[in-house]
N, C-alpha and C. Protein backbone atom coordinates (compact mmCIF):
# COMPACT_ATOMS: atom_id res chain seq x y z
N UNK A 1 10.39 6.87 0.65
CA UNK A 1 9.65 7.44 0.19
C UNK A 1 10.55 8.38 -0.85
N UNK A 2 10.16 8.56 -2.17
CA UNK A 2 11.10 9.53 -2.76
C UNK A 2 10.10 10.71 -3.22
N UNK A 3 10.57 11.88 -3.27
CA UNK A 3 9.88 12.97 -3.72
C UNK A 3 10.69 13.75 -4.74
N UNK A 4 10.49 13.75 -5.96
CA UNK A 4 11.17 14.35 -7.08
C UNK A 4 12.74 13.54 -7.13
N UNK A 5 12.61 12.39 -7.00
CA UNK A 5 13.84 11.50 -6.87
C UNK A 5 14.91 11.68 -5.84
N UNK A 6 14.17 12.40 -4.61
CA UNK A 6 15.26 12.49 -3.36
C UNK A 6 14.61 11.66 -2.25
N UNK A 7 15.52 10.83 -1.70
CA UNK A 7 14.91 10.06 -0.68
C UNK A 7 14.73 10.77 0.63
N UNK A 8 13.51 10.71 1.06
CA UNK A 8 13.15 11.40 2.33
C UNK A 8 13.32 10.76 3.57
N UNK A 9 13.42 9.50 3.65
CA UNK A 9 13.70 8.60 4.96
C UNK A 9 15.25 8.83 5.25
N UNK A 10 15.41 8.99 6.38
CA UNK A 10 16.70 9.23 7.09
C UNK A 10 17.27 8.11 7.89
N UNK A 11 16.37 7.15 8.34
CA UNK A 11 16.47 6.08 9.02
C UNK A 11 16.87 4.98 8.03
N UNK A 12 18.03 4.16 8.60
CA UNK A 12 18.31 2.96 7.73
C UNK A 12 17.11 1.82 7.85
N UNK A 13 16.77 1.16 6.65
CA UNK A 13 15.87 0.17 6.70
C UNK A 13 16.65 -1.08 6.65
N UNK A 14 16.38 -2.29 7.39
CA UNK A 14 16.87 -3.60 7.30
C UNK A 14 15.77 -4.51 7.51
N UNK A 15 16.24 -5.94 7.00
CA UNK A 15 15.29 -7.01 7.18
C UNK A 15 15.85 -7.92 8.45
N UNK A 16 14.79 -8.45 8.84
CA UNK A 16 15.14 -9.36 10.04
C UNK A 16 14.62 -10.57 9.60
N UNK A 17 15.42 -11.57 9.28
CA UNK A 17 14.74 -12.86 8.65
C UNK A 17 13.81 -13.64 9.70
N UNK A 18 12.56 -13.77 9.33
CA UNK A 18 11.71 -14.62 10.06
C UNK A 18 10.95 -14.12 11.10
N UNK A 19 11.18 -12.68 11.12
CA UNK A 19 10.37 -11.61 12.13
C UNK A 19 8.87 -11.63 11.55
N UNK A 20 7.87 -11.49 12.62
CA UNK A 20 6.61 -11.30 12.41
C UNK A 20 6.06 -10.17 12.95
N UNK A 21 4.73 -9.67 12.73
CA UNK A 21 4.12 -8.74 13.40
C UNK A 21 2.70 -9.04 13.53
N UNK A 22 2.26 -8.94 14.92
CA UNK A 22 1.02 -9.14 15.32
C UNK A 22 0.40 -7.56 15.79
N UNK A 23 -0.71 -7.05 15.04
CA UNK A 23 -1.16 -5.93 15.53
C UNK A 23 -2.62 -5.57 15.94
N UNK A 24 -2.94 -4.75 16.55
CA UNK A 24 -4.50 -4.19 16.74
C UNK A 24 -4.47 -2.83 16.66
N UNK A 25 -5.52 -2.45 16.22
CA UNK A 25 -5.84 -1.11 15.92
C UNK A 25 -6.49 -0.44 17.20
N UNK A 26 -5.87 0.73 17.73
CA UNK A 26 -6.39 1.40 18.81
C UNK A 26 -7.75 1.83 18.54
N UNK A 27 -8.70 1.38 19.61
CA UNK A 27 -9.99 1.91 19.47
C UNK A 27 -10.53 2.35 20.86
N UNK A 28 -11.44 3.05 21.01
CA UNK A 28 -11.99 3.31 22.37
C UNK A 28 -12.71 2.39 23.21
N UNK A 29 -13.26 1.03 22.64
CA UNK A 29 -13.78 0.02 23.60
C UNK A 29 -12.70 -0.70 24.11
N UNK A 30 -12.38 -0.77 25.38
CA UNK A 30 -11.50 -1.72 26.00
C UNK A 30 -11.66 -3.27 25.43
N UNK A 31 -12.91 -3.72 25.29
CA UNK A 31 -13.00 -5.11 24.94
C UNK A 31 -12.24 -5.52 23.69
N UNK A 32 -12.20 -4.29 22.64
CA UNK A 32 -11.53 -4.46 21.30
C UNK A 32 -9.97 -4.57 21.44
N UNK A 33 -9.53 -3.78 22.56
CA UNK A 33 -7.99 -3.77 22.68
C UNK A 33 -7.44 -5.17 22.86
N UNK A 34 -8.09 -6.07 23.54
CA UNK A 34 -7.39 -7.32 23.77
C UNK A 34 -7.00 -8.17 22.42
N UNK A 35 -7.81 -7.92 21.53
CA UNK A 35 -7.81 -8.82 20.36
C UNK A 35 -6.84 -8.10 19.22
N UNK A 36 -6.16 -9.14 18.51
CA UNK A 36 -5.20 -8.69 17.39
C UNK A 36 -6.09 -8.40 16.07
N UNK A 37 -5.79 -7.67 15.50
CA UNK A 37 -6.41 -7.47 14.19
C UNK A 37 -6.06 -8.52 13.10
N UNK A 38 -4.81 -8.97 13.29
CA UNK A 38 -3.96 -9.84 12.53
C UNK A 38 -2.93 -10.30 13.42
N UNK A 39 -2.53 -11.64 13.05
CA UNK A 39 -1.14 -12.04 13.87
C UNK A 39 -0.30 -12.79 12.79
N UNK A 40 0.93 -12.52 13.29
CA UNK A 40 2.04 -13.30 12.51
C UNK A 40 2.30 -12.74 10.95
N UNK A 41 2.23 -11.55 10.85
CA UNK A 41 2.16 -11.02 9.40
C UNK A 41 3.85 -10.87 9.28
N UNK A 42 4.30 -11.14 7.89
CA UNK A 42 5.75 -11.11 7.79
C UNK A 42 6.10 -9.70 7.82
N UNK A 43 7.31 -9.43 8.69
CA UNK A 43 7.86 -8.15 8.49
C UNK A 43 8.92 -8.23 7.45
N UNK A 44 8.69 -7.15 6.62
CA UNK A 44 9.35 -7.02 5.40
C UNK A 44 10.74 -6.11 5.70
N UNK A 45 10.66 -5.11 6.40
CA UNK A 45 11.65 -4.13 6.97
C UNK A 45 11.42 -3.35 8.08
N UNK A 46 12.36 -2.89 8.77
CA UNK A 46 12.09 -1.89 10.04
C UNK A 46 13.38 -0.93 9.98
N UNK A 47 13.09 0.23 10.67
CA UNK A 47 14.12 1.12 10.95
C UNK A 47 13.83 1.62 12.38
N UNK A 48 14.62 2.80 12.75
CA UNK A 48 14.27 3.45 14.07
C UNK A 48 13.06 4.18 13.83
N UNK A 49 12.48 4.47 12.75
CA UNK A 49 11.57 5.42 12.63
C UNK A 49 10.09 4.67 12.25
N UNK A 50 10.17 3.29 11.70
CA UNK A 50 8.79 2.96 11.12
C UNK A 50 9.14 1.32 10.77
N UNK A 51 8.17 0.82 10.12
CA UNK A 51 8.45 -0.55 9.59
C UNK A 51 7.30 -0.69 8.33
N UNK A 52 7.66 -2.01 7.56
CA UNK A 52 6.76 -2.36 6.63
C UNK A 52 6.51 -3.66 6.72
N UNK A 53 5.27 -4.16 6.41
CA UNK A 53 4.84 -5.55 6.63
C UNK A 53 3.75 -6.03 5.86
N UNK A 54 3.65 -7.09 5.53
CA UNK A 54 2.35 -7.78 4.61
C UNK A 54 1.24 -8.07 5.59
N UNK A 55 0.25 -7.95 4.94
CA UNK A 55 -1.12 -7.91 5.72
C UNK A 55 -2.28 -8.50 4.94
N UNK A 56 -3.28 -9.09 5.49
CA UNK A 56 -4.47 -9.45 4.47
C UNK A 56 -5.73 -8.53 4.98
N UNK A 57 -5.51 -7.92 6.19
CA UNK A 57 -6.74 -6.87 6.28
C UNK A 57 -6.05 -5.52 6.06
N UNK A 58 -6.74 -4.50 5.77
CA UNK A 58 -6.27 -3.06 5.44
C UNK A 58 -6.68 -2.05 6.42
N UNK A 59 -5.96 -1.76 7.06
CA UNK A 59 -6.11 -0.81 8.03
C UNK A 59 -6.21 0.61 7.52
N UNK A 60 -6.91 1.33 7.99
CA UNK A 60 -7.23 2.77 7.57
C UNK A 60 -5.87 3.71 7.82
N UNK A 61 -5.62 4.53 6.57
CA UNK A 61 -4.60 5.46 6.89
C UNK A 61 -4.72 6.21 8.00
N UNK A 62 -3.67 6.63 8.78
CA UNK A 62 -3.72 7.35 10.15
C UNK A 62 -4.33 6.45 11.31
N UNK A 63 -4.48 5.16 11.08
CA UNK A 63 -4.85 4.63 12.28
C UNK A 63 -3.73 4.29 13.17
N UNK A 64 -4.04 4.21 14.45
CA UNK A 64 -3.27 4.05 15.32
C UNK A 64 -3.24 2.43 15.66
N UNK A 65 -1.75 2.09 15.71
CA UNK A 65 -1.59 0.67 15.76
C UNK A 65 -0.56 0.37 16.89
N UNK A 66 -0.94 -0.84 17.79
CA UNK A 66 -0.05 -1.32 18.77
C UNK A 66 0.34 -2.54 18.22
N UNK A 67 1.80 -2.71 17.88
CA UNK A 67 2.31 -3.82 17.17
C UNK A 67 3.36 -4.43 18.18
N UNK A 68 3.27 -5.98 18.06
CA UNK A 68 4.12 -6.79 18.74
C UNK A 68 5.14 -7.53 17.62
N UNK A 69 6.34 -7.14 17.62
CA UNK A 69 7.14 -7.70 16.82
C UNK A 69 8.13 -8.81 17.24
N UNK A 70 7.72 -10.13 16.88
CA UNK A 70 8.55 -11.17 17.37
C UNK A 70 9.67 -11.37 16.21
N UNK A 71 10.73 -11.43 17.09
CA UNK A 71 12.19 -11.82 16.40
C UNK A 71 12.68 -13.04 16.61
N UNK A 72 13.00 -14.02 15.70
CA UNK A 72 13.58 -15.14 16.22
C UNK A 72 14.81 -15.03 16.93
N UNK A 73 14.69 -15.93 17.98
CA UNK A 73 15.84 -15.89 19.07
C UNK A 73 15.60 -14.83 20.09
N UNK A 74 14.69 -14.11 20.07
CA UNK A 74 14.26 -13.21 21.11
C UNK A 74 13.31 -13.87 22.01
N UNK A 75 13.16 -13.68 23.35
CA UNK A 75 12.21 -14.30 24.24
C UNK A 75 10.90 -13.25 24.13
N UNK A 76 11.21 -11.99 24.22
CA UNK A 76 10.22 -11.07 24.45
C UNK A 76 9.80 -10.31 23.19
N UNK A 77 8.50 -10.24 22.75
CA UNK A 77 8.53 -9.47 21.40
C UNK A 77 8.58 -7.88 21.84
N UNK A 78 8.85 -7.11 20.67
CA UNK A 78 9.20 -5.78 20.81
C UNK A 78 7.85 -5.07 20.76
N UNK A 79 7.40 -4.21 21.47
CA UNK A 79 5.89 -3.62 21.51
C UNK A 79 6.17 -2.28 21.29
N UNK A 80 5.69 -1.79 20.03
CA UNK A 80 5.64 -0.41 19.37
C UNK A 80 4.38 0.26 19.15
N UNK A 81 4.22 1.40 19.31
CA UNK A 81 2.99 2.21 18.79
C UNK A 81 3.39 2.98 17.64
N UNK A 82 2.41 3.12 16.63
CA UNK A 82 2.79 3.79 15.54
C UNK A 82 1.42 4.23 14.87
N UNK A 83 1.59 4.76 13.58
CA UNK A 83 0.37 5.20 12.81
C UNK A 83 0.81 4.68 11.39
N UNK A 84 -0.39 4.25 10.96
CA UNK A 84 -0.45 3.85 9.38
C UNK A 84 -0.16 4.94 8.39
N UNK A 85 0.70 4.92 7.57
CA UNK A 85 1.09 6.00 6.76
C UNK A 85 0.70 5.59 5.27
N UNK A 86 0.89 4.50 4.99
CA UNK A 86 0.37 4.04 3.47
C UNK A 86 0.06 2.71 3.67
N UNK A 87 -0.82 2.32 2.63
CA UNK A 87 -1.29 0.77 2.26
C UNK A 87 -1.29 0.61 0.81
N UNK A 88 -0.74 -0.32 0.31
CA UNK A 88 -0.50 -0.83 -1.04
C UNK A 88 -1.26 -1.94 -1.24
N UNK A 89 -1.89 -2.25 -2.51
CA UNK A 89 -2.50 -3.64 -2.57
C UNK A 89 -1.38 -4.37 -3.37
N UNK A 90 -1.61 -5.81 -3.07
CA UNK A 90 -0.50 -6.61 -3.60
C UNK A 90 -1.16 -7.79 -4.40
N UNK A 91 -0.55 -8.44 -5.19
CA UNK A 91 -1.04 -9.49 -5.99
C UNK A 91 0.26 -10.57 -5.99
N UNK A 92 -0.35 -11.98 -6.03
CA UNK A 92 0.74 -12.84 -6.39
C UNK A 92 1.44 -13.19 -4.97
N UNK A 93 1.28 -12.58 -3.83
CA UNK A 93 2.12 -12.81 -2.73
C UNK A 93 1.64 -13.58 -1.56
N UNK A 94 0.41 -13.89 -1.70
CA UNK A 94 -0.41 -14.59 -0.78
C UNK A 94 -0.95 -13.79 0.26
N UNK A 95 -0.86 -12.40 0.27
CA UNK A 95 -1.16 -11.36 0.92
C UNK A 95 -1.80 -10.21 0.29
N UNK A 96 -2.77 -9.68 0.84
CA UNK A 96 -3.54 -8.70 0.26
C UNK A 96 -2.98 -7.26 -0.05
N UNK A 97 -2.18 -6.87 1.08
CA UNK A 97 -1.71 -5.59 1.19
C UNK A 97 -0.16 -5.50 1.78
N UNK A 98 0.15 -4.31 1.60
CA UNK A 98 1.39 -4.00 2.24
C UNK A 98 1.21 -2.72 3.02
N UNK A 99 1.86 -2.63 4.10
CA UNK A 99 1.40 -1.60 5.15
C UNK A 99 2.71 -1.16 5.44
N UNK A 100 2.70 0.43 5.66
CA UNK A 100 3.81 1.18 6.04
C UNK A 100 3.47 2.06 7.28
N UNK A 101 4.18 1.88 8.44
CA UNK A 101 3.80 2.50 9.61
C UNK A 101 4.98 3.37 10.02
N UNK A 102 4.67 4.60 10.64
CA UNK A 102 5.71 5.40 11.31
C UNK A 102 5.54 5.10 12.62
N UNK A 103 6.58 4.67 13.45
CA UNK A 103 6.49 4.77 15.01
C UNK A 103 6.22 6.04 15.64
N UNK A 104 5.58 6.09 16.72
CA UNK A 104 5.47 7.30 17.69
C UNK A 104 6.81 7.65 18.30
N UNK A 105 6.85 8.77 18.66
CA UNK A 105 8.31 9.11 19.36
C UNK A 105 8.57 8.29 20.46
N UNK A 106 9.82 8.59 20.77
CA UNK A 106 10.43 7.50 21.94
C UNK A 106 10.58 8.46 23.21
N UNK A 107 9.94 8.19 24.29
CA UNK A 107 9.88 8.94 25.40
C UNK A 107 9.03 8.30 26.46
N UNK A 108 8.74 9.04 27.48
CA UNK A 108 8.17 8.83 28.57
C UNK A 108 6.51 9.06 28.58
N UNK A 109 6.11 10.08 27.80
CA UNK A 109 4.87 10.52 27.79
C UNK A 109 3.77 9.73 27.13
N UNK A 110 2.62 9.99 27.52
CA UNK A 110 1.45 9.11 26.83
C UNK A 110 1.52 8.83 25.33
N UNK A 111 1.43 7.65 25.01
CA UNK A 111 1.46 7.20 23.42
C UNK A 111 2.93 7.15 22.81
N UNK A 112 3.76 7.48 23.70
CA UNK A 112 5.11 7.33 23.20
C UNK A 112 5.55 6.02 23.35
N UNK A 113 6.70 5.59 22.53
CA UNK A 113 7.48 4.32 22.63
C UNK A 113 8.29 4.50 23.84
N UNK A 114 8.56 3.14 24.52
CA UNK A 114 9.56 3.09 25.44
C UNK A 114 10.82 3.29 24.95
N UNK A 115 11.76 4.31 25.61
CA UNK A 115 12.94 4.48 24.78
C UNK A 115 13.99 3.29 24.84
N UNK A 116 13.84 2.30 25.67
CA UNK A 116 14.39 1.14 25.56
C UNK A 116 14.29 0.24 24.20
N UNK A 117 13.23 0.44 23.72
CA UNK A 117 12.90 -0.13 22.30
C UNK A 117 13.91 0.39 21.30
N UNK A 118 14.05 1.69 21.42
CA UNK A 118 14.93 2.36 20.57
C UNK A 118 16.35 1.45 20.34
N UNK A 119 16.73 1.40 21.70
CA UNK A 119 18.02 0.82 21.87
C UNK A 119 17.93 -0.60 21.47
N UNK A 120 16.94 -1.22 21.31
CA UNK A 120 16.84 -2.65 21.05
C UNK A 120 16.87 -2.65 19.58
N UNK A 121 16.15 -1.70 18.93
CA UNK A 121 16.23 -1.55 17.38
C UNK A 121 17.50 -1.32 16.97
N UNK A 122 18.41 -0.46 17.74
CA UNK A 122 19.49 -0.03 17.14
C UNK A 122 20.64 -1.48 17.31
N UNK A 123 20.08 -2.25 18.30
CA UNK A 123 21.11 -3.39 18.45
C UNK A 123 20.71 -4.48 17.04
N UNK A 124 19.35 -4.45 16.77
CA UNK A 124 19.10 -5.33 15.88
C UNK A 124 19.82 -4.71 14.41
N UNK A 125 19.48 -3.45 14.42
CA UNK A 125 20.22 -2.70 13.09
C UNK A 125 21.63 -3.22 12.87
N UNK A 126 22.47 -3.22 14.09
CA UNK A 126 23.76 -3.57 13.93
C UNK A 126 23.88 -5.05 13.58
N UNK A 127 23.11 -5.78 14.10
CA UNK A 127 22.96 -7.35 13.95
C UNK A 127 22.64 -7.71 12.27
N UNK A 128 21.74 -7.01 11.98
CA UNK A 128 21.09 -7.54 10.68
C UNK A 128 21.52 -6.57 9.50
N UNK A 129 22.01 -5.48 9.68
CA UNK A 129 22.40 -4.64 8.41
C UNK A 129 23.38 -5.14 7.73
N UNK A 130 23.38 -5.11 6.40
CA UNK A 130 24.64 -5.44 5.54
C UNK A 130 25.81 -4.42 5.91
N UNK A 131 26.97 -5.13 5.84
CA UNK A 131 28.06 -4.17 6.08
C UNK A 131 28.23 -2.76 5.23
N UNK A 132 27.80 -2.90 3.78
CA UNK A 132 28.00 -1.74 2.98
C UNK A 132 26.85 -0.63 3.27
N UNK A 133 25.97 -0.98 4.02
CA UNK A 133 25.04 0.20 4.54
C UNK A 133 25.47 1.15 5.58
N UNK A 134 26.70 1.09 5.94
CA UNK A 134 27.25 1.99 7.08
C UNK A 134 27.41 3.19 6.49
N UNK A 135 27.63 3.42 5.21
CA UNK A 135 27.94 4.80 4.56
C UNK A 135 26.56 5.47 4.13
N UNK A 136 25.69 5.42 4.93
CA UNK A 136 24.12 6.16 4.91
C UNK A 136 24.52 7.60 5.09
N UNK A 137 23.52 8.41 4.52
CA UNK A 137 23.68 9.85 4.59
C UNK A 137 22.96 10.13 6.20
N UNK A 138 23.70 10.99 6.93
CA UNK A 138 23.04 11.27 8.17
C UNK A 138 22.30 12.62 8.01
N UNK A 139 21.31 12.61 8.87
CA UNK A 139 20.42 13.85 9.07
C UNK A 139 20.85 14.86 10.07
N UNK A 140 20.96 16.02 9.78
CA UNK A 140 21.24 17.09 10.78
C UNK A 140 20.39 17.03 11.90
N UNK A 141 19.14 16.47 11.80
CA UNK A 141 18.24 16.61 12.70
C UNK A 141 18.19 15.46 13.74
N UNK A 142 18.81 14.26 13.34
CA UNK A 142 18.98 13.14 14.08
C UNK A 142 18.06 11.90 13.06
N UNK A 143 18.18 10.74 13.38
CA UNK A 143 17.58 9.86 12.62
C UNK A 143 16.33 9.44 13.39
N UNK A 144 16.00 9.89 14.51
CA UNK A 144 14.71 9.57 15.10
C UNK A 144 14.30 10.64 16.09
N UNK A 145 13.24 10.32 16.60
CA UNK A 145 12.46 11.36 17.48
C UNK A 145 12.72 10.98 19.02
N UNK A 146 13.17 11.68 19.79
CA UNK A 146 13.19 11.25 21.13
C UNK A 146 12.52 12.40 22.06
N UNK A 147 11.69 12.22 22.89
CA UNK A 147 10.96 13.25 23.60
C UNK A 147 11.06 12.83 25.15
N UNK A 148 11.48 13.40 25.99
CA UNK A 148 11.49 13.00 27.29
C UNK A 148 10.30 13.52 28.19
């Protein structure tokens, strides 16, 4: 996102060809937790801090999501929790919306993402990032949130 022409994102975004997202909205009723809201949505890009994907359903802004990210060639999907930050309507793509999600912090506390997921995202970043993207600006605060 840009604010007055300044890029606010500090994490490098990259594409994973063929990756998909299945997600469910966190609700209070346990019966609902077992069902995906939508499955096999195309993943547009991902970073250490969040991701963007196509969807035919419109999750509410600030909704808490549990996402299963399937990467071609990987046996086990990456399971991450996050919050919907923005939703944009689309036309002519076969999907109704584009959804932006910010991942929860990585750590061992409730609602945090398993720290091993960050390690996996970093390895995917190294595998799929274009070589010229190595010269990205670094943040003094770090590129991601870790809490133990």
